[in-house]
Amino acid sequence: MITLLQLGGIIGREHSARRLFALLVVAALLITAPIALARNRIIVDDLGFEVEVKDNIRRVVSLVPTNSEMVCLLDCDRLKGGTRYDQFPVELKKRVQANQVEIIGGGFDANLEKIVQLQPDLILTNGPTQQRFAVPLKNMGYSALSIWPRDMGGLKRDFLLLGELLVQEKKAQNAIDDMQRRFALIQTKAMNKPKKRVYLQMWTEPLITVGKLSFPDWLVAAAGGINIFGDLPFDSAQVSLESLIRRDPDVLFFLAEQEPFVKTLTKRPGWSSIRGVRGSHFCFIDEPDIRRSIEFLDGLAKIQDCLFRDKRVNQPNPTETK
């Protein structure tokens, strides 16, 4: 028969054993915690920065419309914050109008307080100019990834990466396969045709165009043209009228809102000496036509159509005035 003293000793030993077991469990968790953290993926983004990204991404904030668009093409439910300029695809525009996507700014005026309130698992920025937002967000512990493709290869890589991060690999690959088929058809139209020298104007006063680090530079080349300022080591840069005249483009592209400027070209000193102006070979494009998104093909076709058409389409006569 077990005495009360012996029973108390047994209970005490069992209690001590349970405590020891609990301590061992806690210690094991502490030891394995770094291993669990190590499962987070380290990604080198388009600016060359290493970014630690979570395995399970549920909440995404985008600081530029093109990144918002690509996220929504894959899984629009996960986009919790976007810009006031988000228009594509239609589903995203509807979600913005229904206040299902929080507006955090317009690209140059991102609201850090709103971004933090959304508690995102992943923040998608653009190029170097948005590092002023990315750096403080990284310092607060958020994953801020730069998506800034400069050509189709970069677009494919970034879109497949987003597909992996959002667990939508098949959807991403199907979109890329379709894009590559359509791209091949557009490229075929430029075969055996002489390259056209192109000027693409992003701003009027001062004159701002695109350089070799820009996506439009690649678009022009893919369509069958040569960017006359493709030697500039910038995304965009200010140029002089003298350098534009000297490089003498065959075709000039203007943004749609520059139509009043174009209508006065022949009255502006120097412009009439440019080959493309003399031949009235110029066209208008919209900013979405040259956006860094997997949905770039409509813009590419529009650029190519302008390059190789003998007659102008939907352009005003530059001699007309309002």
C-alpha atoms as a PDB file:
ATOM      1  CA  MET A   1       0.000   0.000   0.000  1.00  0.00           C
ATOM      2  CA  ILE A   2       1.252   3.479  -0.920  1.00  0.00           C
ATOM      3  CA  THR A   3       1.421   5.956   1.904  1.00  0.00           C
ATOM      4  CA  LEU A   4       0.395   9.594   1.592  1.00  0.00           C
ATOM      5  CA  LEU A   5       4.046  10.599   1.764  1.00  0.00           C
ATOM      6  CA  GLN A   6       4.955   8.229  -1.062  1.00  0.00           C
ATOM      7  CA  LEU A   7       1.951   9.450  -3.108  1.00  0.00           C
ATOM      8  CA  GLY A   8       3.042  13.042  -2.640  1.00  0.00           C
ATOM      9  CA  GLY A   9       6.516  12.162  -3.886  1.00  0.00           C
ATOM     10  CA  ILE A  10       5.113  10.485  -7.013  1.00  0.00           C
ATOM     11  CA  ILE A  11       2.863  13.474  -7.770  1.00  0.00           C
ATOM     12  CA  GLY A  12       5.777  15.844  -7.253  1.00  0.00           C
ATOM     13  CA  ARG A  13       7.956  13.876  -9.621  1.00  0.00           C
ATOM     14  CA  GLU A  14       5.201  13.779 -12.277  1.00  0.00           C
ATOM     15  CA  HIS A  15       4.640  17.537 -11.922  1.00  0.00           C
ATOM     16  CA  SER A  16       8.362  18.149 -12.330  1.00  0.00           C
ATOM     17  CA  ALA A  17       8.404  15.879 -15.385  1.00  0.00           C
ATOM     18  CA  ARG A  18       5.534  17.823 -16.967  1.00  0.00           C
ATOM     19  CA  ARG A  19       7.333  21.108 -16.312  1.00  0.00           C
ATOM     20  CA  LEU A  20      10.528  19.718 -17.793  1.00  0.00           C
ATOM     21  CA  PHE A  21       8.624  18.508 -20.858  1.00  0.00           C
ATOM     22  CA  ALA A  22       7.004  21.939 -21.311  1.00  0.00           C
ATOM     23  CA  LEU A  23      10.389  23.649 -21.056  1.00  0.00           C
ATOM     24  CA  LEU A  24      11.829  21.283 -23.646  1.00  0.00           C
ATOM     25  CA  VAL A  25       8.945  22.086 -26.035  1.00  0.00           C
ATOM     26  CA  VAL A  26       9.517  25.845 -25.640  1.00  0.00           C
ATOM     27  CA  ALA A  27      13.253  25.399 -26.180  1.00  0.00           C
ATOM     28  CA  ALA A  28      12.597  23.365 -29.318  1.00  0.00           C
ATOM     29  CA  LEU A  29      10.342  26.084 -30.689  1.00  0.00           C
ATOM     30  CA  LEU A  30      12.979  28.714 -30.009  1.00  0.00           C
ATOM     31  CA  ILE A  31      15.630  26.633 -31.708  1.00  0.00           C
ATOM     32  CA  THR A  32      13.479  25.980 -34.798  1.00  0.00           C
ATOM     33  CA  ALA A  33      12.156  29.562 -35.101  1.00  0.00           C
ATOM     34  CA  PRO A  34      15.027  30.720 -37.337  1.00  0.00           C
ATOM     35  CA  ILE A  35      14.413  27.695 -39.562  1.00  0.00           C
ATOM     36  CA  ALA A  36      10.760  28.728 -40.014  1.00  0.00           C
ATOM     37  CA  LEU A  37      11.818  32.285 -40.873  1.00  0.00           C
ATOM     38  CA  ALA A  38      14.328  30.933 -43.355  1.00  0.00           C
ATOM     39  CA  ARG A  39      11.438  29.505 -45.383  1.00  0.00           C
ATOM     40  CA  ASN A  40      10.623  33.046 -46.514  1.00  0.00           C
ATOM     41  CA  ARG A  41      11.918  33.563 -50.028  1.00  0.00           C
ATOM     42  CA  ILE A  42      14.761  35.942 -50.887  1.00  0.00           C
ATOM     43  CA  ILE A  43      14.165  37.610 -54.259  1.00  0.00           C
ATOM     44  CA  VAL A  44      16.477  39.902 -56.236  1.00  0.00           C
ATOM     45  CA  ASP A  45      14.186  42.541 -57.741  1.00  0.00           C
ATOM     46  CA  ASP A  46      14.538  44.533 -60.972  1.00  0.00           C
ATOM     47  CA  LEU A  47      16.766  47.111 -59.277  1.00  0.00           C
ATOM     48  CA  GLY A  48      19.114  44.453 -57.911  1.00  0.00           C
ATOM     49  CA  PHE A  49      17.928  44.658 -54.284  1.00  0.00           C
ATOM     50  CA  GLU A  50      17.449  41.517 -52.200  1.00  0.00           C
ATOM     51  CA  VAL A  51      13.949  41.401 -50.738  1.00  0.00           C
ATOM     52  CA  GLU A  52      12.613  38.839 -48.260  1.00  0.00           C
ATOM     53  CA  VAL A  53       9.099  37.803 -49.248  1.00  0.00           C
ATOM     54  CA  LYS A  54       6.581  35.734 -47.286  1.00  0.00           C
ATOM     55  CA  ASP A  55       5.484  32.309 -48.419  1.00  0.00           C
ATOM     56  CA  ASN A  56       1.773  33.018 -48.017  1.00  0.00           C
ATOM     57  CA  ILE A  57       0.888  36.372 -49.611  1.00  0.00           C
ATOM     58  CA  ARG A  58      -2.689  37.468 -48.998  1.00  0.00           C
ATOM     59  CA  ARG A  59      -2.526  41.266 -49.083  1.00  0.00           C
ATOM     60  CA  VAL A  60      -0.779  43.195 -51.874  1.00  0.00           C
ATOM     61  CA  VAL A  61      -0.366  46.947 -52.311  1.00  0.00           C
ATOM     62  CA  SER A  62       0.781  48.390 -55.643  1.00  0.00           C
ATOM     63  CA  LEU A  63       2.263  51.861 -56.110  1.00  0.00           C
ATOM     64  CA  VAL A  64       1.916  51.953 -59.932  1.00  0.00           C
ATOM     65  CA  PRO A  65      -0.972  51.079 -62.289  1.00  0.00           C
ATOM     66  CA  THR A  66       0.989  48.514 -64.317  1.00  0.00           C
ATOM     67  CA  ASN A  67       1.787  46.427 -61.249  1.00  0.00           C
ATOM     68  CA  SER A  68      -1.825  46.734 -60.069  1.00  0.00           C
ATOM     69  CA  GLU A  69      -2.922  45.470 -63.465  1.00  0.00           C
ATOM     70  CA  MET A  70      -0.645  42.430 -63.442  1.00  0.00           C
ATOM     71  CA  VAL A  71      -1.681  41.447 -59.913  1.00  0.00           C
ATOM     72  CA  CYS A  72      -5.345  41.739 -60.866  1.00  0.00           C
ATOM     73  CA  LEU A  73      -4.851  39.623 -63.987  1.00  0.00           C
ATOM     74  CA  LEU A  74      -3.665  36.868 -61.661  1.00  0.00           C
ATOM     75  CA  ASP A  75      -5.764  37.272 -58.496  1.00  0.00           C
ATOM     76  CA  CYS A  76      -7.609  40.562 -58.019  1.00  0.00           C
ATOM     77  CA  ASP A  77      -8.880  39.583 -54.560  1.00  0.00           C
ATOM     78  CA  ARG A  78      -5.400  39.983 -53.121  1.00  0.00           C
ATOM     79  CA  LEU A  79      -4.910  43.572 -54.308  1.00  0.00           C
ATOM     80  CA  LYS A  80      -5.853  45.669 -51.275  1.00  0.00           C
ATOM     81  CA  GLY A  81      -4.238  48.970 -52.290  1.00  0.00           C
ATOM     82  CA  GLY A  82      -3.655  50.633 -55.667  1.00  0.00           C
ATOM     83  CA  THR A  83      -3.356  54.021 -57.375  1.00  0.00           C
ATOM     84  CA  ARG A  84      -5.907  56.559 -58.514  1.00  0.00           C
ATOM     85  CA  TYR A  85      -4.896  55.759 -62.111  1.00  0.00           C
ATOM     86  CA  ASP A  86      -5.685  52.035 -62.014  1.00  0.00           C
ATOM     87  CA  GLN A  87      -7.833  51.349 -65.090  1.00  0.00           C
ATOM     88  CA  PHE A  88      -6.969  47.880 -66.363  1.00  0.00           C
ATOM     89  CA  PRO A  89      -8.355  45.254 -66.393  1.00  0.00           C
ATOM     90  CA  VAL A  90     -12.039  46.159 -66.174  1.00  0.00           C
ATOM     91  CA  GLU A  91     -12.404  44.097 -62.988  1.00  0.00           C
ATOM     92  CA  LEU A  92      -9.859  46.305 -61.237  1.00  0.00           C
ATOM     93  CA  LYS A  93     -11.604  49.503 -62.315  1.00  0.00           C
ATOM     94  CA  LYS A  94     -14.877  48.152 -60.907  1.00  0.00           C
ATOM     95  CA  ARG A  95     -13.208  47.204 -57.639  1.00  0.00           C
ATOM     96  CA  VAL A  96     -11.742  50.683 -57.264  1.00  0.00           C
ATOM     97  CA  GLN A  97     -15.151  52.244 -57.911  1.00  0.00           C
ATOM     98  CA  ALA A  98     -16.704  49.912 -55.327  1.00  0.00           C
ATOM     99  CA  ASN A  99     -14.034  50.900 -52.764  1.00  0.00           C
ATOM    100  CA  GLN A 100     -12.785  47.321 -52.632  1.00  0.00           C
ATOM    101  CA  VAL A 101      -9.275  48.589 -53.400  1.00  0.00           C
ATOM    102  CA  GLU A 102      -7.896  51.403 -51.236  1.00  0.00           C
ATOM    103  CA  ILE A 103      -6.325  54.302 -53.159  1.00  0.00           C
ATOM    104  CA  ILE A 104      -2.884  54.975 -51.697  1.00  0.00           C
ATOM    105  CA  GLY A 105      -1.825  57.729 -54.124  1.00  0.00           C
ATOM    106  CA  GLY A 106      -0.796  58.253 -57.707  1.00  0.00           C
ATOM    107  CA  GLY A 107       2.751  56.988 -58.013  1.00  0.00           C
ATOM    108  CA  PHE A 108       4.580  60.142 -57.004  1.00  0.00           C
ATOM    109  CA  ASP A 109       2.557  60.844 -53.862  1.00  0.00           C
ATOM    110  CA  ALA A 110       2.108  57.481 -52.177  1.00  0.00           C
ATOM    111  CA  ASN A 111       0.560  57.754 -48.703  1.00  0.00           C
ATOM    112  CA  LEU A 112       2.777  55.705 -46.380  1.00  0.00           C
ATOM    113  CA  GLU A 113       0.282  55.922 -43.527  1.00  0.00           C
ATOM    114  CA  LYS A 114      -2.453  54.348 -45.659  1.00  0.00           C
ATOM    115  CA  ILE A 115      -0.086  51.645 -46.859  1.00  0.00           C
ATOM    116  CA  VAL A 116       0.838  50.707 -43.283  1.00  0.00           C
ATOM    117  CA  GLN A 117      -2.835  50.650 -42.262  1.00  0.00           C
ATOM    118  CA  LEU A 118      -3.472  48.049 -44.973  1.00  0.00           C
ATOM    119  CA  GLN A 119      -0.823  45.762 -43.403  1.00  0.00           C
ATOM    120  CA  PRO A 120       0.341  44.343 -46.753  1.00  0.00           C
ATOM    121  CA  ASP A 121       2.294  41.121 -47.124  1.00  0.00           C
ATOM    122  CA  LEU A 122       3.860  42.511 -50.309  1.00  0.00           C
ATOM    123  CA  ILE A 123       4.332  46.042 -51.701  1.00  0.00           C
ATOM    124  CA  LEU A 124       5.069  46.445 -55.414  1.00  0.00           C
ATOM    125  CA  THR A 125       6.999  49.536 -56.478  1.00  0.00           C
ATOM    126  CA  ASN A 126       8.322  50.700 -59.834  1.00  0.00           C
ATOM    127  CA  GLY A 127      11.783  52.035 -60.713  1.00  0.00           C
ATOM    128  CA  PRO A 128      14.389  54.179 -58.945  1.00  0.00           C
ATOM    129  CA  THR A 129      12.065  57.147 -58.342  1.00  0.00           C
ATOM    130  CA  GLN A 130       9.889  55.075 -56.000  1.00  0.00           C
ATOM    131  CA  GLN A 131      12.765  54.074 -53.763  1.00  0.00           C
ATOM    132  CA  ARG A 132      11.894  57.096 -51.621  1.00  0.00           C
ATOM    133  CA  PHE A 133       8.792  55.116 -50.639  1.00  0.00           C
ATOM    134  CA  ALA A 134      10.345  51.645 -50.722  1.00  0.00           C
ATOM    135  CA  VAL A 135      13.231  52.423 -48.351  1.00  0.00           C
ATOM    136  CA  PRO A 136      11.170  53.652 -45.357  1.00  0.00           C
ATOM    137  CA  LEU A 137       8.697  50.794 -45.861  1.00  0.00           C
ATOM    138  CA  LYS A 138      11.553  48.275 -45.843  1.00  0.00           C
ATOM    139  CA  ASN A 139      12.920  49.912 -42.704  1.00  0.00           C
ATOM    140  CA  MET A 140       9.550  49.273 -41.068  1.00  0.00           C
ATOM    141  CA  GLY A 141       9.829  45.584 -41.936  1.00  0.00           C
ATOM    142  CA  TYR A 142       7.642  45.434 -45.054  1.00  0.00           C
ATOM    143  CA  SER A 143       8.558  43.551 -48.230  1.00  0.00           C
ATOM    144  CA  ALA A 144       8.853  46.171 -51.005  1.00  0.00           C
ATOM    145  CA  LEU A 145       9.670  44.631 -54.374  1.00  0.00           C
ATOM    146  CA  SER A 146      10.584  46.644 -57.482  1.00  0.00           C
ATOM    147  CA  ILE A 147       8.870  45.444 -60.668  1.00  0.00           C
ATOM    148  CA  TRP A 148      10.450  47.490 -63.470  1.00  0.00           C
ATOM    149  CA  PRO A 149      10.779  45.492 -66.723  1.00  0.00           C
ATOM    150  CA  ARG A 150      12.487  47.101 -69.725  1.00  0.00           C
ATOM    151  CA  ASP A 151      11.586  44.550 -72.399  1.00  0.00           C
ATOM    152  CA  MET A 152       9.482  41.469 -73.031  1.00  0.00           C
ATOM    153  CA  GLY A 153      12.013  39.212 -71.331  1.00  0.00           C
ATOM    154  CA  GLY A 154      11.719  41.293 -68.169  1.00  0.00           C
ATOM    155  CA  LEU A 155       7.933  41.275 -68.397  1.00  0.00           C
ATOM    156  CA  LYS A 156       7.831  37.503 -68.708  1.00  0.00           C
ATOM    157  CA  ARG A 157      10.188  37.049 -65.777  1.00  0.00           C
ATOM    158  CA  ASP A 158       8.261  39.453 -63.537  1.00  0.00           C
ATOM    159  CA  PHE A 159       4.835  38.091 -64.452  1.00  0.00           C
ATOM    160  CA  LEU A 160       5.931  34.506 -63.805  1.00  0.00           C
ATOM    161  CA  LEU A 161       7.386  35.631 -60.478  1.00  0.00           C
ATOM    162  CA  LEU A 162       4.067  37.216 -59.497  1.00  0.00           C
ATOM    163  CA  GLY A 163       2.363  34.009 -60.577  1.00  0.00           C
ATOM    164  CA  GLU A 164       4.578  32.047 -58.188  1.00  0.00           C
ATOM    165  CA  LEU A 165       4.120  34.470 -55.302  1.00  0.00           C
ATOM    166  CA  LEU A 166       0.329  34.445 -55.701  1.00  0.00           C
ATOM    167  CA  VAL A 167       0.237  30.685 -56.384  1.00  0.00           C
ATOM    168  CA  GLN A 168      -1.146  31.304 -59.876  1.00  0.00           C
ATOM    169  CA  GLU A 169       1.680  29.764 -61.908  1.00  0.00           C
ATOM    170  CA  LYS A 170      -0.554  28.102 -64.515  1.00  0.00           C
ATOM    171  CA  LYS A 171      -2.585  31.245 -65.077  1.00  0.00           C
ATOM    172  CA  ALA A 172       0.596  33.278 -65.525  1.00  0.00           C
ATOM    173  CA  GLN A 173       2.120  30.772 -67.947  1.00  0.00           C
ATOM    174  CA  ASN A 174      -1.078  30.603 -70.044  1.00  0.00           C
ATOM    175  CA  ALA A 175      -1.119  34.400 -70.344  1.00  0.00           C
ATOM    176  CA  ILE A 176       2.521  34.447 -71.416  1.00  0.00           C
ATOM    177  CA  ASP A 177       2.021  31.673 -73.979  1.00  0.00           C
ATOM    178  CA  ASP A 178      -0.858  33.642 -75.520  1.00  0.00           C
ATOM    179  CA  MET A 179       1.181  36.848 -75.464  1.00  0.00           C
ATOM    180  CA  GLN A 180       4.120  35.205 -77.228  1.00  0.00           C
ATOM    181  CA  ARG A 181       1.889  33.845 -80.012  1.00  0.00           C
ATOM    182  CA  ARG A 182       0.411  37.298 -80.650  1.00  0.00           C
ATOM    183  CA  PHE A 183       3.814  38.935 -80.407  1.00  0.00           C
ATOM    184  CA  ALA A 184       5.230  36.615 -83.087  1.00  0.00           C
ATOM    185  CA  LEU A 185       2.463  37.632 -85.489  1.00  0.00           C
ATOM    186  CA  ILE A 186       3.143  41.336 -84.953  1.00  0.00           C
ATOM    187  CA  GLN A 187       6.884  40.875 -85.465  1.00  0.00           C
ATOM    188  CA  THR A 188       6.266  39.036 -88.726  1.00  0.00           C
ATOM    189  CA  LYS A 189       4.661  42.167 -90.188  1.00  0.00           C
ATOM    190  CA  ALA A 190       7.899  44.111 -89.740  1.00  0.00           C
ATOM    191  CA  MET A 191      10.076  41.535 -91.485  1.00  0.00           C
ATOM    192  CA  ASN A 192      11.882  42.712 -94.646  1.00  0.00           C
ATOM    193  CA  LYS A 193      10.747  46.287 -94.085  1.00  0.00           C
ATOM    194  CA  PRO A 194      13.221  49.153 -93.690  1.00  0.00           C
ATOM    195  CA  LYS A 195      13.691  50.390 -90.135  1.00  0.00           C
ATOM    196  CA  LYS A 196      12.051  53.748 -89.429  1.00  0.00           C
ATOM    197  CA  ARG A 197      13.844  56.295 -87.262  1.00  0.00           C
ATOM    198  CA  VAL A 198      11.487  57.311 -84.464  1.00  0.00           C
ATOM    199  CA  TYR A 199      11.097  60.205 -82.027  1.00  0.00           C
ATOM    200  CA  LEU A 200       8.713  59.690 -79.110  1.00  0.00           C
ATOM    201  CA  GLN A 201       7.796  62.851 -77.230  1.00  0.00           C
ATOM    202  CA  MET A 202       6.714  62.519 -73.620  1.00  0.00           C
ATOM    203  CA  TRP A 203       6.550  66.229 -72.796  1.00  0.00           C
ATOM    204  CA  THR A 204       6.457  69.448 -74.795  1.00  0.00           C
ATOM    205  CA  GLU A 205       8.085  72.219 -72.762  1.00  0.00           C
ATOM    206  CA  PRO A 206      10.814  71.256 -72.200  1.00  0.00           C
ATOM    207  CA  LEU A 207      11.103  68.504 -74.786  1.00  0.00           C
ATOM    208  CA  ILE A 208      11.343  65.164 -72.992  1.00  0.00           C
ATOM    209  CA  THR A 209      11.808  61.841 -74.746  1.00  0.00           C
ATOM    210  CA  VAL A 210      12.709  58.246 -73.842  1.00  0.00           C
ATOM    211  CA  GLY A 211      16.155  56.669 -73.623  1.00  0.00           C
ATOM    212  CA  LYS A 212      17.488  53.125 -73.771  1.00  0.00           C
ATOM    213  CA  LEU A 213      16.418  52.216 -70.224  1.00  0.00           C
ATOM    214  CA  SER A 214      12.746  52.752 -71.056  1.00  0.00           C
ATOM    215  CA  PHE A 215      10.100  50.228 -72.013  1.00  0.00           C
ATOM    216  CA  PRO A 216       8.912  52.415 -74.955  1.00  0.00           C
ATOM    217  CA  ASP A 217      12.447  52.202 -76.412  1.00  0.00           C
ATOM    218  CA  TRP A 218      12.039  48.421 -76.582  1.00  0.00           C
ATOM    219  CA  LEU A 219       8.490  48.759 -77.967  1.00  0.00           C
ATOM    220  CA  VAL A 220       9.709  50.934 -80.834  1.00  0.00           C
ATOM    221  CA  ALA A 221      12.416  48.383 -81.695  1.00  0.00           C
ATOM    222  CA  ALA A 222       9.957  45.468 -81.478  1.00  0.00           C
ATOM    223  CA  ALA A 223       7.573  47.281 -83.833  1.00  0.00           C
ATOM    224  CA  GLY A 224      10.313  47.774 -86.417  1.00  0.00           C
ATOM    225  CA  GLY A 225      11.683  51.193 -85.567  1.00  0.00           C
ATOM    226  CA  ILE A 226      14.815  52.767 -84.132  1.00  0.00           C
ATOM    227  CA  ASN A 227      14.587  55.241 -81.264  1.00  0.00           C
ATOM    228  CA  ILE A 228      16.760  58.181 -82.352  1.00  0.00           C
ATOM    229  CA  PHE A 229      17.575  58.879 -78.691  1.00  0.00           C
ATOM    230  CA  GLY A 230      18.148  55.222 -77.846  1.00  0.00           C
ATOM    231  CA  ASP A 231      21.764  56.000 -76.969  1.00  0.00           C
ATOM    232  CA  LEU A 232      20.747  58.028 -73.910  1.00  0.00           C
ATOM    233  CA  PRO A 233      21.464  55.971 -70.744  1.00  0.00           C
ATOM    234  CA  PHE A 234      18.212  57.030 -69.075  1.00  0.00           C
ATOM    235  CA  ASP A 235      14.569  56.053 -68.833  1.00  0.00           C
ATOM    236  CA  SER A 236      13.637  59.553 -70.015  1.00  0.00           C
ATOM    237  CA  ALA A 237      15.528  62.798 -70.510  1.00  0.00           C
ATOM    238  CA  GLN A 238      15.250  66.382 -71.681  1.00  0.00           C
ATOM    239  CA  VAL A 239      16.571  67.016 -75.187  1.00  0.00           C
ATOM    240  CA  SER A 240      17.094  70.140 -77.265  1.00  0.00           C
ATOM    241  CA  LEU A 241      15.308  71.014 -80.496  1.00  0.00           C
ATOM    242  CA  GLU A 242      18.731  71.295 -82.138  1.00  0.00           C
ATOM    243  CA  SER A 243      19.553  67.660 -81.311  1.00  0.00           C
ATOM    244  CA  LEU A 244      16.106  66.556 -82.533  1.00  0.00           C
ATOM    245  CA  ILE A 245      16.614  68.362 -85.846  1.00  0.00           C
ATOM    246  CA  ARG A 246      20.088  66.902 -86.195  1.00  0.00           C
ATOM    247  CA  ARG A 247      18.848  63.328 -85.651  1.00  0.00           C
ATOM    248  CA  ASP A 248      16.013  63.948 -88.143  1.00  0.00           C
ATOM    249  CA  PRO A 249      13.392  61.228 -87.384  1.00  0.00           C
ATOM    250  CA  ASP A 250      11.215  59.653 -90.073  1.00  0.00           C
ATOM    251  CA  VAL A 251       8.266  59.224 -87.711  1.00  0.00           C
ATOM    252  CA  LEU A 252       7.186  61.227 -84.678  1.00  0.00           C
ATOM    253  CA  PHE A 253       4.961  59.953 -81.866  1.00  0.00           C
ATOM    254  CA  PHE A 254       3.122  62.298 -79.509  1.00  0.00           C
ATOM    255  CA  LEU A 255       0.927  61.621 -76.508  1.00  0.00           C
ATOM    256  CA  ALA A 256      -2.746  62.274 -77.221  1.00  0.00           C
ATOM    257  CA  GLU A 257      -2.882  65.316 -74.946  1.00  0.00           C
ATOM    258  CA  GLN A 258      -0.154  66.967 -77.054  1.00  0.00           C
ATOM    259  CA  GLU A 259      -2.533  67.482 -79.994  1.00  0.00           C
ATOM    260  CA  PRO A 260      -2.698  71.293 -79.550  1.00  0.00           C
ATOM    261  CA  PHE A 261       1.121  71.370 -79.710  1.00  0.00           C
ATOM    262  CA  VAL A 262       1.169  69.262 -82.884  1.00  0.00           C
ATOM    263  CA  LYS A 263      -1.306  71.546 -84.620  1.00  0.00           C
ATOM    264  CA  THR A 264       1.222  74.355 -84.394  1.00  0.00           C
ATOM    265  CA  LEU A 265       4.310  72.419 -85.523  1.00  0.00           C
ATOM    266  CA  THR A 266       4.773  74.130 -88.880  1.00  0.00           C
ATOM    267  CA  LYS A 267       4.672  77.516 -87.178  1.00  0.00           C
ATOM    268  CA  ARG A 268       7.363  76.559 -84.684  1.00  0.00           C
ATOM    269  CA  PRO A 269      10.896  77.517 -85.763  1.00  0.00           C
ATOM    270  CA  GLY A 270      12.962  74.556 -86.882  1.00  0.00           C
ATOM    271  CA  TRP A 271      10.305  71.854 -86.836  1.00  0.00           C
ATOM    272  CA  SER A 272       9.586  72.011 -90.571  1.00  0.00           C
ATOM    273  CA  SER A 273      13.158  70.936 -91.306  1.00  0.00           C
ATOM    274  CA  ILE A 274      12.470  67.518 -89.721  1.00  0.00           C
ATOM    275  CA  ARG A 275      11.776  64.778 -92.248  1.00  0.00           C
ATOM    276  CA  GLY A 276       8.794  63.325 -90.377  1.00  0.00           C
ATOM    277  CA  VAL A 277       7.148  66.735 -90.001  1.00  0.00           C
ATOM    278  CA  ARG A 278       7.619  67.570 -93.686  1.00  0.00           C
ATOM    279  CA  GLY A 279       6.051  64.247 -94.618  1.00  0.00           C
ATOM    280  CA  SER A 280       3.310  64.554 -91.973  1.00  0.00           C
ATOM    281  CA  HIS A 281       4.368  61.160 -90.640  1.00  0.00           C
ATOM    282  CA  PHE A 282       3.340  61.358 -87.017  1.00  0.00           C
ATOM    283  CA  CYS A 283       0.819  59.655 -84.772  1.00  0.00           C
ATOM    284  CA  PHE A 284      -0.781  59.964 -81.374  1.00  0.00           C
ATOM    285  CA  ILE A 285      -0.581  57.355 -78.654  1.00  0.00           C
ATOM    286  CA  ASP A 286      -2.060  57.136 -75.185  1.00  0.00           C
ATOM    287  CA  GLU A 287       0.039  56.469 -72.097  1.00  0.00           C
ATOM    288  CA  PRO A 288      -1.561  53.004 -71.666  1.00  0.00           C
ATOM    289  CA  ASP A 289      -0.203  52.133 -75.144  1.00  0.00           C
ATOM    290  CA  ILE A 290       3.351  52.156 -73.785  1.00  0.00           C
ATOM    291  CA  ARG A 291       2.790  50.756 -70.299  1.00  0.00           C
ATOM    292  CA  ARG A 292       5.034  48.099 -68.702  1.00  0.00           C
ATOM    293  CA  SER A 293       2.393  45.399 -68.467  1.00  0.00           C
ATOM    294  CA  ILE A 294       1.925  41.927 -69.881  1.00  0.00           C
ATOM    295  CA  GLU A 295      -0.978  43.515 -71.806  1.00  0.00           C
ATOM    296  CA  PHE A 296       1.311  45.636 -74.005  1.00  0.00           C
ATOM    297  CA  LEU A 297       0.434  44.122 -77.397  1.00  0.00           C
ATOM    298  CA  ASP A 298      -2.346  46.529 -78.401  1.00  0.00           C
ATOM    299  CA  GLY A 299       0.040  49.440 -77.954  1.00  0.00           C
ATOM    300  CA  LEU A 300       2.767  47.630 -79.882  1.00  0.00           C
ATOM    301  CA  ALA A 301       0.403  46.984 -82.800  1.00  0.00           C
ATOM    302  CA  LYS A 302      -0.639  50.635 -82.777  1.00  0.00           C
ATOM    303  CA  ILE A 303       2.976  51.795 -82.957  1.00  0.00           C
ATOM    304  CA  GLN A 304       3.739  49.393 -85.788  1.00  0.00           C
ATOM    305  CA  ASP A 305       0.622  50.463 -87.674  1.00  0.00           C
ATOM    306  CA  CYS A 306       1.831  54.057 -87.603  1.00  0.00           C
ATOM    307  CA  LEU A 307       5.381  53.143 -88.644  1.00  0.00           C
ATOM    308  CA  PHE A 308       4.410  51.358 -91.855  1.00  0.00           C
ATOM    309  CA  ARG A 309       1.308  53.166 -93.047  1.00  0.00           C
ATOM    310  CA  ASP A 310       1.767  55.551 -95.949  1.00  0.00           C
ATOM    311  CA  LYS A 311      -1.092  57.767 -94.858  1.00  0.00           C
ATOM    312  CA  ARG A 312      -1.735  59.292 -91.499  1.00  0.00           C
ATOM    313  CA  VAL A 313      -4.590  57.917 -89.436  1.00  0.00           C
ATOM    314  CA  ASN A 314      -6.588  60.000 -86.982  1.00  0.00           C
ATOM    315  CA  GLN A 315      -4.092  62.862 -86.938  1.00  0.00           C
ATOM    316  CA  PRO A 316      -4.869  66.540 -87.330  1.00  0.00           C
ATOM    317  CA  ASN A 317      -3.283  68.537 -90.121  1.00  0.00           C
ATOM    318  CA  PRO A 318      -0.339  70.333 -88.458  1.00  0.00           C
ATOM    319  CA  THR A 319      -1.171  73.467 -90.435  1.00  0.00           C
ATOM    320  CA  GLU A 320      -4.587  73.708 -88.792  1.00  0.00           C
ATOM    321  CA  THR A 321      -5.098  75.851 -85.730  1.00  0.00           C
ATOM    322  CA  LYS A 322      -7.872  75.826 -83.192  1.00  0.00           C
END
